[in-house]
Structure formats: structure tokens, C-alpha cells
Amino acid sequence: MKKDSFIEEYEVTPYTLLIKPVQYGKKTYSQIFEWEGEYICPHKPMDIIKRSCEYYGSSYEGRKEGTRHLTGITHKSPIAVDPVCSILFFPTTSPVRSECMWVAYDHIMSRTKNHYGDTDVVFRNGWKTSLPLSSSSLDNQLYRTALLKNRYVQRIAETERKFLYVNRSIPKTKEHEKPFV
């Protein structure tokens, strides 16, 4: 990873791997790890997740409610920041806790329990870090996020099937009979 750069504002992207809280005096900032770089932002990780949800067209509460509706998950909910681009994050603890990190689901390549009781994670770009949660907790969060992603994929496929069915049942018109749009 490259050296940290300071940025004032940040929204997650398909290249975001991890958002981690860091203390600067009495204030909590975020250390953001991307595919090819690291950044420090003067906002809490939760604020970045909320702002990112808004950037992609919904509120955090709306995304959280969507997760509950699709999966039944109500605590430590994974969040589809942008379901269209498959940008899904999960929290390492309760999101209201100051030490909560947010991890990008699709970037995790492997994980192993370490001798401290934490879990070492390798991301798809080869970067390795330790997350302060047990391997069973991480596996649970991965499972819950996979469930959410699968439900989105199912809904998209169902919508496409319905569209194809409706589109096939509409009688074809001659070119000169098509309505003006």
C-alpha cells in the first residue's frame, strides 16, 4: 500500500477495501484502504458509509431497512451501498461502536485465524491485514453479506424474466404504427 494521503471528503467506490477508524487527538477520523492507495479522511467510518449510501441514491437507514426486508438481518447488518455495482460492506462490530470497521465483501480473497484470536484477511489485490474479530464472527458476516447479495441477484433475475415474458406477449406492430415517444 502507498503512503496515506489526506482527503476532505470521500465516498466508497468499487476499489474501496476497508474503512477503519483512527484517533487524531480526541477526534475519530477514517483510514481508507483502496486497491492502490490509502487515505485519511476527517470523518468517522459510519459517516462515510452514510454519505456513500446517499451518493448512490439512498439513505443508510433505507439501505439498512432494505437489508432487513430482503434477509431478516437486523443487527450488524451488511449494507448494499450500491447494489447496482455490487458495492456491499459489512461492519466488524455494531456500527454504533467507535471501533467499528467497514469491510468490502467482494474484495476478500481469504481469511485465517491468527494466534491472537483475531482474523487475518487477504484482499484480492494481495494486501493483508488483521481484523479484530474472531474467524467465526467474520465467517458469519461474510455469510450474511453473501445472503444479501444473492437476494439482490435473485430480484434482478426475476425482474428480467418478467420483462422478457411481458415483452414477448406484446403484439408486434408495423413500423409505421409505432407510437411516437
N, C-alpha and C. Protein backbone atom coordinates (compact mmCIF):
# COMPACT_ATOMS: atom_id res chain seq x y z
N MET A 1 0.85 -1.19 0.00
CA MET A 1 0.00 0.00 0.00
C MET A 1 0.89 1.25 0.00
N LYS A 2 0.39 2.27 -0.66
CA LYS A 2 1.10 3.53 -0.71
C LYS A 2 0.87 4.32 0.58
N LYS A 3 1.68 5.32 0.79
CA LYS A 3 1.57 6.17 1.97
C LYS A 3 0.23 6.92 1.99
N ASP A 4 -0.26 7.18 3.20
CA ASP A 4 -1.54 7.88 3.38
C ASP A 4 -1.53 9.26 2.74
N SER A 5 -2.66 9.62 2.16
CA SER A 5 -2.91 10.96 1.65
C SER A 5 -4.13 11.48 2.37
N PHE A 6 -4.13 12.76 2.69
CA PHE A 6 -5.27 13.35 3.38
C PHE A 6 -6.27 13.84 2.36
N ILE A 7 -7.55 13.49 2.56
CA ILE A 7 -8.63 13.97 1.70
C ILE A 7 -9.76 14.48 2.59
N GLU A 8 -10.44 15.51 2.14
CA GLU A 8 -11.51 16.14 2.92
C GLU A 8 -12.80 15.35 2.90
N GLU A 9 -13.17 14.81 1.74
CA GLU A 9 -14.44 14.09 1.56
C GLU A 9 -14.15 12.77 0.88
N TYR A 10 -15.05 11.81 1.09
CA TYR A 10 -14.86 10.50 0.47
C TYR A 10 -16.18 9.75 0.35
N GLU A 11 -16.40 9.13 -0.79
CA GLU A 11 -17.47 8.17 -0.98
C GLU A 11 -16.82 6.87 -1.42
N VAL A 12 -17.35 5.74 -0.93
CA VAL A 12 -16.77 4.47 -1.32
C VAL A 12 -16.94 4.26 -2.81
N THR A 13 -16.04 3.47 -3.38
CA THR A 13 -16.04 3.15 -4.80
C THR A 13 -15.88 1.63 -4.93
N PRO A 14 -15.95 1.11 -6.15
CA PRO A 14 -15.69 -0.32 -6.32
C PRO A 14 -14.26 -0.72 -5.92
N TYR A 15 -13.37 0.26 -5.69
CA TYR A 15 -11.99 -0.02 -5.33
C TYR A 15 -11.72 0.08 -3.83
N THR A 16 -12.73 0.43 -3.05
CA THR A 16 -12.56 0.56 -1.60
C THR A 16 -12.53 -0.83 -0.97
N LEU A 17 -11.51 -1.08 -0.12
CA LEU A 17 -11.36 -2.37 0.55
C LEU A 17 -11.84 -2.34 1.99
N LEU A 18 -11.45 -1.28 2.72
CA LEU A 18 -11.67 -1.24 4.16
C LEU A 18 -11.70 0.21 4.61
N ILE A 19 -12.60 0.50 5.56
CA ILE A 19 -12.64 1.81 6.20
C ILE A 19 -12.46 1.56 7.69
N LYS A 20 -11.42 2.13 8.24
CA LYS A 20 -11.00 1.84 9.62
C LYS A 20 -10.93 3.13 10.43
N PRO A 21 -11.45 3.13 11.67
CA PRO A 21 -11.35 4.34 12.49
C PRO A 21 -9.93 4.52 13.02
N VAL A 22 -9.49 5.76 13.06
CA VAL A 22 -8.20 6.12 13.66
C VAL A 22 -8.40 7.36 14.50
N GLN A 23 -7.73 7.42 15.61
CA GLN A 23 -7.85 8.57 16.52
C GLN A 23 -6.80 9.63 16.18
N TYR A 24 -7.25 10.87 16.08
CA TYR A 24 -6.39 12.04 15.94
C TYR A 24 -6.79 12.98 17.06
N GLY A 25 -6.03 12.94 18.15
CA GLY A 25 -6.40 13.70 19.33
C GLY A 25 -7.69 13.12 19.89
N LYS A 26 -8.69 13.96 20.06
CA LYS A 26 -9.97 13.50 20.58
C LYS A 26 -10.97 13.18 19.47
N LYS A 27 -10.56 13.34 18.23
CA LYS A 27 -11.47 13.15 17.10
C LYS A 27 -11.19 11.83 16.39
N THR A 28 -12.26 11.20 15.91
CA THR A 28 -12.14 9.96 15.13
C THR A 28 -12.15 10.30 13.65
N TYR A 29 -11.12 9.88 12.95
CA TYR A 29 -11.01 10.01 11.51
C TYR A 29 -11.15 8.62 10.90
N SER A 30 -11.06 8.55 9.59
CA SER A 30 -11.09 7.26 8.91
C SER A 30 -9.82 7.06 8.12
N GLN A 31 -9.30 5.86 8.23
CA GLN A 31 -8.22 5.43 7.35
C GLN A 31 -8.89 4.54 6.31
N ILE A 32 -8.74 4.93 5.05
CA ILE A 32 -9.42 4.25 3.96
C ILE A 32 -8.38 3.52 3.12
N PHE A 33 -8.62 2.25 2.92
CA PHE A 33 -7.73 1.43 2.11
C PHE A 33 -8.42 1.13 0.80
N GLU A 34 -7.78 1.53 -0.29
CA GLU A 34 -8.29 1.25 -1.62
C GLU A 34 -7.35 0.29 -2.33
N TRP A 35 -7.74 -0.13 -3.52
CA TRP A 35 -6.99 -1.10 -4.29
C TRP A 35 -5.51 -0.70 -4.42
N GLU A 36 -5.26 0.58 -4.67
CA GLU A 36 -3.87 1.02 -4.87
C GLU A 36 -3.46 2.19 -3.99
N GLY A 37 -4.11 2.40 -2.87
CA GLY A 37 -3.71 3.52 -2.04
C GLY A 37 -4.43 3.56 -0.71
N GLU A 38 -3.95 4.45 0.15
CA GLU A 38 -4.55 4.67 1.46
C GLU A 38 -4.81 6.16 1.63
N TYR A 39 -5.88 6.47 2.34
CA TYR A 39 -6.25 7.85 2.57
C TYR A 39 -6.68 8.04 4.02
N ILE A 40 -6.54 9.26 4.49
CA ILE A 40 -7.07 9.66 5.79
C ILE A 40 -8.12 10.73 5.52
N CYS A 41 -9.28 10.54 6.11
CA CYS A 41 -10.40 11.47 5.93
C CYS A 41 -10.90 11.89 7.31
N PRO A 42 -11.21 13.17 7.52
CA PRO A 42 -11.61 13.66 8.84
C PRO A 42 -13.05 13.33 9.23
N HIS A 43 -13.60 12.26 8.71
CA HIS A 43 -14.94 11.82 9.05
C HIS A 43 -14.88 10.40 9.60
N LYS A 44 -15.83 10.06 10.47
CA LYS A 44 -15.90 8.71 11.04
C LYS A 44 -16.30 7.72 9.95
N PRO A 45 -15.88 6.45 10.10
CA PRO A 45 -16.29 5.45 9.10
C PRO A 45 -17.80 5.40 8.87
N MET A 46 -18.58 5.47 9.94
CA MET A 46 -20.03 5.42 9.79
C MET A 46 -20.54 6.59 8.96
N ASP A 47 -19.94 7.77 9.14
CA ASP A 47 -20.34 8.94 8.36
C ASP A 47 -20.02 8.74 6.87
N ILE A 48 -18.91 8.09 6.59
CA ILE A 48 -18.54 7.82 5.20
C ILE A 48 -19.52 6.83 4.58
N ILE A 49 -19.89 5.79 5.32
CA ILE A 49 -20.87 4.83 4.82
C ILE A 49 -22.21 5.52 4.56
N LYS A 50 -22.65 6.35 5.50
CA LYS A 50 -23.91 7.07 5.32
C LYS A 50 -23.86 7.99 4.10
N ARG A 51 -22.79 8.75 3.98
CA ARG A 51 -22.64 9.67 2.85
C ARG A 51 -22.58 8.90 1.54
N SER A 52 -21.93 7.75 1.55
CA SER A 52 -21.82 6.94 0.34
C SER A 52 -23.18 6.38 -0.09
N CYS A 53 -23.97 5.95 0.87
CA CYS A 53 -25.33 5.49 0.55
C CYS A 53 -26.10 6.61 -0.14
N GLU A 54 -26.01 7.81 0.39
CA GLU A 54 -26.69 8.96 -0.20
C GLU A 54 -26.15 9.26 -1.60
N TYR A 55 -24.84 9.16 -1.76
CA TYR A 55 -24.21 9.41 -3.06
C TYR A 55 -24.78 8.46 -4.11
N TYR A 56 -25.03 7.21 -3.72
CA TYR A 56 -25.56 6.21 -4.64
C TYR A 56 -27.09 6.12 -4.62
N GLY A 57 -27.75 7.11 -4.03
CA GLY A 57 -29.19 7.25 -4.22
C GLY A 57 -30.11 6.78 -3.12
N SER A 58 -29.60 6.52 -1.93
CA SER A 58 -30.46 6.12 -0.83
C SER A 58 -29.87 6.61 0.47
N SER A 59 -30.62 6.49 1.54
CA SER A 59 -30.07 6.80 2.86
C SER A 59 -29.52 5.52 3.47
N TYR A 60 -28.68 5.66 4.47
CA TYR A 60 -28.18 4.50 5.20
C TYR A 60 -29.35 3.74 5.82
N GLU A 61 -30.29 4.48 6.42
CA GLU A 61 -31.45 3.84 7.03
C GLU A 61 -32.27 3.08 6.00
N GLY A 62 -32.38 3.64 4.80
CA GLY A 62 -33.09 2.95 3.72
C GLY A 62 -32.40 1.67 3.31
N ARG A 63 -31.08 1.73 3.20
CA ARG A 63 -30.31 0.52 2.85
C ARG A 63 -30.41 -0.51 3.96
N LYS A 64 -30.37 -0.06 5.21
CA LYS A 64 -30.48 -0.97 6.35
C LYS A 64 -31.86 -1.64 6.36
N GLU A 65 -32.89 -0.86 6.10
CA GLU A 65 -34.25 -1.40 6.03
C GLU A 65 -34.38 -2.37 4.87
N GLY A 66 -33.73 -2.07 3.76
CA GLY A 66 -33.72 -2.99 2.62
C GLY A 66 -33.07 -4.32 2.98
N THR A 67 -31.98 -4.26 3.73
CA THR A 67 -31.32 -5.48 4.18
C THR A 67 -32.27 -6.28 5.07
N ARG A 68 -32.94 -5.61 5.98
CA ARG A 68 -33.88 -6.30 6.88
C ARG A 68 -35.01 -6.94 6.08
N HIS A 69 -35.52 -6.20 5.10
CA HIS A 69 -36.63 -6.71 4.30
C HIS A 69 -36.21 -7.93 3.47
N LEU A 70 -35.02 -7.88 2.87
CA LEU A 70 -34.58 -8.97 2.00
C LEU A 70 -34.06 -10.19 2.76
N THR A 71 -33.48 -9.97 3.95
CA THR A 71 -32.79 -11.07 4.63
C THR A 71 -33.29 -11.36 6.04
N GLY A 72 -33.95 -10.39 6.66
CA GLY A 72 -34.35 -10.55 8.06
C GLY A 72 -33.27 -10.14 9.04
N ILE A 73 -32.12 -9.73 8.55
CA ILE A 73 -31.00 -9.33 9.41
C ILE A 73 -31.27 -7.95 9.99
N THR A 74 -31.14 -7.83 11.32
CA THR A 74 -31.43 -6.55 11.98
C THR A 74 -30.24 -5.98 12.74
N HIS A 75 -29.25 -6.79 13.07
CA HIS A 75 -28.09 -6.33 13.84
C HIS A 75 -26.80 -6.59 13.06
N LYS A 76 -25.88 -5.63 13.14
CA LYS A 76 -24.63 -5.71 12.38
C LYS A 76 -24.92 -6.00 10.91
N SER A 77 -25.90 -5.28 10.40
CA SER A 77 -26.40 -5.51 9.04
C SER A 77 -25.38 -5.17 7.97
N PRO A 78 -25.21 -6.06 6.99
CA PRO A 78 -24.43 -5.67 5.81
C PRO A 78 -25.23 -4.62 5.05
N ILE A 79 -24.53 -3.77 4.34
CA ILE A 79 -25.17 -2.67 3.63
C ILE A 79 -24.78 -2.72 2.15
N ALA A 80 -25.78 -2.69 1.29
CA ALA A 80 -25.54 -2.58 -0.14
C ALA A 80 -25.45 -1.09 -0.44
N VAL A 81 -24.26 -0.54 -0.33
CA VAL A 81 -24.06 0.89 -0.58
C VAL A 81 -24.54 1.22 -1.99
N ASP A 82 -24.17 0.37 -2.95
CA ASP A 82 -24.66 0.50 -4.32
C ASP A 82 -24.92 -0.91 -4.86
N PRO A 83 -26.17 -1.38 -4.79
CA PRO A 83 -26.45 -2.73 -5.25
C PRO A 83 -26.23 -2.93 -6.75
N VAL A 84 -26.36 -1.87 -7.54
CA VAL A 84 -26.18 -1.99 -8.99
C VAL A 84 -24.73 -2.37 -9.33
N CYS A 85 -23.79 -1.75 -8.65
CA CYS A 85 -22.37 -2.04 -8.88
C CYS A 85 -21.82 -3.07 -7.91
N SER A 86 -22.69 -3.69 -7.12
CA SER A 86 -22.31 -4.71 -6.14
C SER A 86 -21.27 -4.18 -5.14
N ILE A 87 -21.53 -2.99 -4.61
CA ILE A 87 -20.68 -2.43 -3.56
C ILE A 87 -21.37 -2.73 -2.24
N LEU A 88 -20.93 -3.82 -1.59
CA LEU A 88 -21.51 -4.27 -0.33
C LEU A 88 -20.45 -4.24 0.75
N PHE A 89 -20.81 -3.66 1.90
CA PHE A 89 -19.92 -3.57 3.04
C PHE A 89 -20.58 -4.21 4.25
N PHE A 90 -19.76 -4.74 5.14
CA PHE A 90 -20.28 -5.24 6.40
C PHE A 90 -19.46 -4.66 7.55
N PRO A 91 -20.11 -4.45 8.70
CA PRO A 91 -19.40 -3.91 9.87
C PRO A 91 -18.72 -5.02 10.66
N THR A 92 -17.63 -4.68 11.32
CA THR A 92 -16.92 -5.68 12.15
C THR A 92 -17.51 -5.78 13.54
N THR A 93 -18.22 -4.76 13.99
CA THR A 93 -18.92 -4.75 15.28
C THR A 93 -20.24 -4.02 15.06
N SER A 94 -20.93 -3.70 16.12
CA SER A 94 -22.11 -2.86 15.98
C SER A 94 -21.67 -1.53 15.37
N PRO A 95 -22.37 -1.05 14.35
CA PRO A 95 -21.98 0.21 13.72
C PRO A 95 -21.98 1.43 14.64
N VAL A 96 -22.66 1.35 15.77
CA VAL A 96 -22.67 2.49 16.69
C VAL A 96 -21.40 2.55 17.54
N ARG A 97 -20.61 1.51 17.55
CA ARG A 97 -19.38 1.49 18.34
C ARG A 97 -18.26 2.21 17.59
N SER A 98 -17.47 2.96 18.32
CA SER A 98 -16.43 3.79 17.70
C SER A 98 -15.34 2.96 17.02
N GLU A 99 -15.14 1.71 17.41
CA GLU A 99 -14.09 0.89 16.81
C GLU A 99 -14.57 0.09 15.58
N CYS A 100 -15.80 0.31 15.15
CA CYS A 100 -16.35 -0.43 14.02
C CYS A 100 -15.61 -0.09 12.72
N MET A 101 -15.19 -1.14 12.03
CA MET A 101 -14.60 -1.02 10.69
C MET A 101 -15.65 -1.48 9.69
N TRP A 102 -15.52 -1.01 8.47
CA TRP A 102 -16.40 -1.44 7.39
C TRP A 102 -15.55 -2.11 6.32
N VAL A 103 -15.93 -3.35 5.96
CA VAL A 103 -15.14 -4.18 5.05
C VAL A 103 -15.93 -4.43 3.76
N ALA A 104 -15.24 -4.30 2.63
CA ALA A 104 -15.87 -4.56 1.33
C ALA A 104 -15.92 -6.06 1.08
N TYR A 105 -17.12 -6.58 0.97
CA TYR A 105 -17.33 -8.02 0.83
C TYR A 105 -16.62 -8.62 -0.39
N ASP A 106 -16.78 -8.01 -1.56
CA ASP A 106 -16.27 -8.61 -2.80
C ASP A 106 -14.75 -8.62 -2.92
N HIS A 107 -14.05 -7.92 -2.05
CA HIS A 107 -12.59 -7.87 -2.16
C HIS A 107 -11.87 -8.90 -1.29
N ILE A 108 -12.58 -9.60 -0.42
CA ILE A 108 -11.92 -10.57 0.45
C ILE A 108 -11.61 -11.83 -0.35
N MET A 109 -10.33 -12.20 -0.35
CA MET A 109 -9.91 -13.39 -1.06
C MET A 109 -9.78 -14.59 -0.12
N SER A 110 -9.18 -14.37 1.06
CA SER A 110 -9.03 -15.47 2.02
C SER A 110 -8.94 -14.91 3.43
N ARG A 111 -9.12 -15.79 4.40
CA ARG A 111 -9.02 -15.40 5.80
C ARG A 111 -8.54 -16.59 6.61
N THR A 112 -7.77 -16.26 7.67
CA THR A 112 -7.27 -17.29 8.58
C THR A 112 -7.26 -16.74 10.00
N LYS A 113 -7.53 -17.61 10.94
CA LYS A 113 -7.48 -17.23 12.35
C LYS A 113 -6.01 -17.07 12.73
N ASN A 114 -5.70 -16.00 13.49
CA ASN A 114 -4.32 -15.84 13.94
C ASN A 114 -4.21 -16.21 15.42
N HIS A 115 -2.99 -16.24 15.95
CA HIS A 115 -2.77 -16.70 17.32
C HIS A 115 -3.21 -15.69 18.38
N TYR A 116 -3.68 -14.51 17.98
CA TYR A 116 -4.20 -13.52 18.92
C TYR A 116 -5.72 -13.62 19.07
N GLY A 117 -6.34 -14.51 18.31
CA GLY A 117 -7.80 -14.63 18.33
C GLY A 117 -8.48 -13.74 17.30
N ASP A 118 -7.69 -12.97 16.57
CA ASP A 118 -8.23 -12.12 15.50
C ASP A 118 -8.20 -12.91 14.19
N THR A 119 -8.57 -12.25 13.10
CA THR A 119 -8.58 -12.92 11.80
C THR A 119 -7.74 -12.13 10.81
N ASP A 120 -6.80 -12.81 10.18
CA ASP A 120 -6.02 -12.21 9.11
C ASP A 120 -6.79 -12.35 7.81
N VAL A 121 -6.86 -11.27 7.07
CA VAL A 121 -7.61 -11.23 5.81
C VAL A 121 -6.66 -10.84 4.69
N VAL A 122 -6.80 -11.53 3.57
CA VAL A 122 -6.06 -11.17 2.36
C VAL A 122 -7.10 -10.70 1.35
N PHE A 123 -6.86 -9.49 0.83
CA PHE A 123 -7.76 -8.92 -0.16
C PHE A 123 -7.29 -9.32 -1.56
N ARG A 124 -8.14 -9.14 -2.53
CA ARG A 124 -7.85 -9.58 -3.90
C ARG A 124 -6.64 -8.90 -4.52
N ASN A 125 -6.25 -7.75 -4.02
CA ASN A 125 -5.07 -7.08 -4.54
C ASN A 125 -3.79 -7.57 -3.85
N GLY A 126 -3.91 -8.53 -2.93
CA GLY A 126 -2.74 -9.09 -2.24
C GLY A 126 -2.46 -8.45 -0.90
N TRP A 127 -3.13 -7.36 -0.56
CA TRP A 127 -2.90 -6.68 0.71
C TRP A 127 -3.45 -7.53 1.85
N LYS A 128 -2.69 -7.62 2.93
CA LYS A 128 -3.08 -8.43 4.08
C LYS A 128 -3.18 -7.54 5.31
N THR A 129 -4.22 -7.78 6.12
CA THR A 129 -4.38 -7.06 7.38
C THR A 129 -5.06 -7.97 8.39
N SER A 130 -5.01 -7.56 9.64
CA SER A 130 -5.67 -8.31 10.70
C SER A 130 -6.90 -7.54 11.14
N LEU A 131 -8.02 -8.25 11.25
CA LEU A 131 -9.26 -7.64 11.72
C LEU A 131 -9.53 -8.12 13.13
N PRO A 132 -9.94 -7.20 14.02
CA PRO A 132 -10.15 -7.56 15.42
C PRO A 132 -11.48 -8.26 15.68
N LEU A 133 -11.67 -9.41 15.03
CA LEU A 133 -12.84 -10.22 15.29
C LEU A 133 -12.48 -11.68 15.03
N SER A 134 -13.20 -12.55 15.68
CA SER A 134 -12.91 -13.98 15.56
C SER A 134 -13.23 -14.46 14.15
N SER A 135 -12.62 -15.57 13.77
CA SER A 135 -12.88 -16.10 12.43
C SER A 135 -14.35 -16.51 12.28
N SER A 136 -14.97 -16.98 13.36
CA SER A 136 -16.39 -17.35 13.27
C SER A 136 -17.27 -16.11 13.08
N SER A 137 -16.93 -15.01 13.74
CA SER A 137 -17.68 -13.76 13.54
C SER A 137 -17.51 -13.25 12.11
N LEU A 138 -16.28 -13.32 11.59
CA LEU A 138 -16.05 -12.89 10.21
C LEU A 138 -16.81 -13.79 9.25
N ASP A 139 -16.75 -15.10 9.47
CA ASP A 139 -17.49 -16.02 8.60
C ASP A 139 -18.98 -15.72 8.62
N ASN A 140 -19.51 -15.39 9.79
CA ASN A 140 -20.93 -15.04 9.91
C ASN A 140 -21.25 -13.78 9.10
N GLN A 141 -20.39 -12.76 9.20
CA GLN A 141 -20.63 -11.53 8.45
C GLN A 141 -20.51 -11.78 6.93
N LEU A 142 -19.56 -12.64 6.54
CA LEU A 142 -19.44 -12.98 5.12
C LEU A 142 -20.69 -13.71 4.64
N TYR A 143 -21.18 -14.64 5.44
CA TYR A 143 -22.38 -15.38 5.08
C TYR A 143 -23.58 -14.43 4.93
N ARG A 144 -23.75 -13.53 5.89
CA ARG A 144 -24.88 -12.61 5.86
C ARG A 144 -24.81 -11.67 4.66
N THR A 145 -23.60 -11.24 4.32
CA THR A 145 -23.43 -10.36 3.16
C THR A 145 -23.67 -11.13 1.87
N ALA A 146 -23.21 -12.38 1.81
CA ALA A 146 -23.47 -13.22 0.64
C ALA A 146 -24.97 -13.44 0.46
N LEU A 147 -25.68 -13.63 1.55
CA LEU A 147 -27.13 -13.78 1.50
C LEU A 147 -27.78 -12.53 0.91
N LEU A 148 -27.36 -11.36 1.38
CA LEU A 148 -27.90 -10.11 0.86
C LEU A 148 -27.61 -9.97 -0.63
N LYS A 149 -26.38 -10.24 -1.02
CA LYS A 149 -26.00 -10.13 -2.43
C LYS A 149 -26.83 -11.10 -3.27
N ASN A 150 -27.00 -12.31 -2.79
CA ASN A 150 -27.77 -13.33 -3.51
C ASN A 150 -29.23 -12.89 -3.69
N ARG A 151 -29.80 -12.28 -2.66
CA ARG A 151 -31.19 -11.82 -2.77
C ARG A 151 -31.32 -10.71 -3.82
N TYR A 152 -30.32 -9.83 -3.89
CA TYR A 152 -30.33 -8.80 -4.94
C TYR A 152 -30.24 -9.44 -6.31
N VAL A 153 -29.35 -10.40 -6.47
CA VAL A 153 -29.18 -11.09 -7.75
C VAL A 153 -30.48 -11.80 -8.14
N GLN A 154 -31.13 -12.45 -7.18
CA GLN A 154 -32.41 -13.12 -7.44
C GLN A 154 -33.47 -12.14 -7.90
N ARG A 155 -33.54 -10.99 -7.22
CA ARG A 155 -34.55 -9.98 -7.58
C ARG A 155 -34.30 -9.44 -8.99
N ILE A 156 -33.06 -9.20 -9.32
CA ILE A 156 -32.72 -8.69 -10.65
C ILE A 156 -33.08 -9.73 -11.71
N ALA A 157 -32.75 -11.00 -11.46
CA ALA A 157 -33.07 -12.06 -12.41
C ALA A 157 -34.58 -12.22 -12.57
N GLU A 158 -35.31 -12.13 -11.47
CA GLU A 158 -36.78 -12.24 -11.51
C GLU A 158 -37.37 -11.09 -12.32
N THR A 159 -36.86 -9.90 -12.13
CA THR A 159 -37.34 -8.73 -12.88
C THR A 159 -37.05 -8.90 -14.37
N GLU A 160 -35.87 -9.41 -14.70
CA GLU A 160 -35.53 -9.63 -16.11
C GLU A 160 -36.44 -10.68 -16.74
N ARG A 161 -36.74 -11.75 -15.99
CA ARG A 161 -37.65 -12.78 -16.51
C ARG A 161 -39.04 -12.20 -16.78
N LYS A 162 -39.52 -11.41 -15.84
CA LYS A 162 -40.84 -10.79 -16.00
C LYS A 162 -40.85 -9.86 -17.21
N PHE A 163 -39.78 -9.09 -17.38
CA PHE A 163 -39.69 -8.18 -18.51
C PHE A 163 -39.70 -8.95 -19.83
N LEU A 164 -38.93 -10.03 -19.91
CA LEU A 164 -38.89 -10.82 -21.14
C LEU A 164 -40.24 -11.44 -21.44
N TYR A 165 -40.94 -11.91 -20.41
CA TYR A 165 -42.26 -12.51 -20.59
C TYR A 165 -43.25 -11.46 -21.12
N VAL A 166 -43.28 -10.31 -20.50
CA VAL A 166 -44.18 -9.24 -20.92
C VAL A 166 -43.81 -8.76 -22.32
N ASN A 167 -42.54 -8.62 -22.58
CA ASN A 167 -42.07 -8.13 -23.87
C ASN A 167 -42.44 -9.10 -25.00
N ARG A 168 -42.40 -10.41 -24.75
CA ARG A 168 -42.76 -11.40 -25.76
C ARG A 168 -44.27 -11.43 -26.01
N SER A 169 -45.06 -11.11 -25.00
CA SER A 169 -46.51 -11.20 -25.15
C SER A 169 -47.14 -9.95 -25.78
N ILE A 170 -46.38 -8.90 -25.95
CA ILE A 170 -46.89 -7.68 -26.60
C ILE A 170 -46.87 -7.91 -28.10
N PRO A 171 -48.02 -7.75 -28.77
CA PRO A 171 -48.05 -7.99 -30.22
C PRO A 171 -47.15 -6.99 -30.94
N LYS A 172 -46.49 -7.50 -31.97
CA LYS A 172 -45.60 -6.65 -32.77
C LYS A 172 -46.45 -5.75 -33.66
N THR A 173 -46.01 -4.52 -33.81
CA THR A 173 -46.71 -3.58 -34.69
C THR A 173 -45.83 -3.28 -35.88
N LYS A 174 -46.47 -2.81 -36.92
CA LYS A 174 -45.71 -2.42 -38.10
C LYS A 174 -44.98 -1.13 -37.78
N GLU A 175 -43.89 -0.90 -38.47
CA GLU A 175 -43.04 0.25 -38.21
C GLU A 175 -43.82 1.56 -38.22
N HIS A 176 -44.73 1.73 -39.17
CA HIS A 176 -45.48 2.98 -39.27
C HIS A 176 -46.57 3.09 -38.21
N GLU A 177 -46.86 2.01 -37.46
CA GLU A 177 -47.90 2.04 -36.42
C GLU A 177 -47.33 2.28 -35.04
N LYS A 178 -46.01 2.35 -34.93
CA LYS A 178 -45.41 2.51 -33.61
C LYS A 178 -45.78 3.88 -33.03
N PRO A 179 -46.08 3.91 -31.74
CA PRO A 179 -46.44 5.20 -31.12
C PRO A 179 -45.22 6.12 -31.05
N PHE A 180 -45.51 7.39 -31.12
CA PHE A 180 -44.45 8.40 -31.00
C PHE A 180 -44.02 8.51 -29.55
N VAL A 181 -42.73 8.43 -29.31
CA VAL A 181 -42.23 8.54 -27.92
C VAL A 181 -41.33 9.74 -27.82
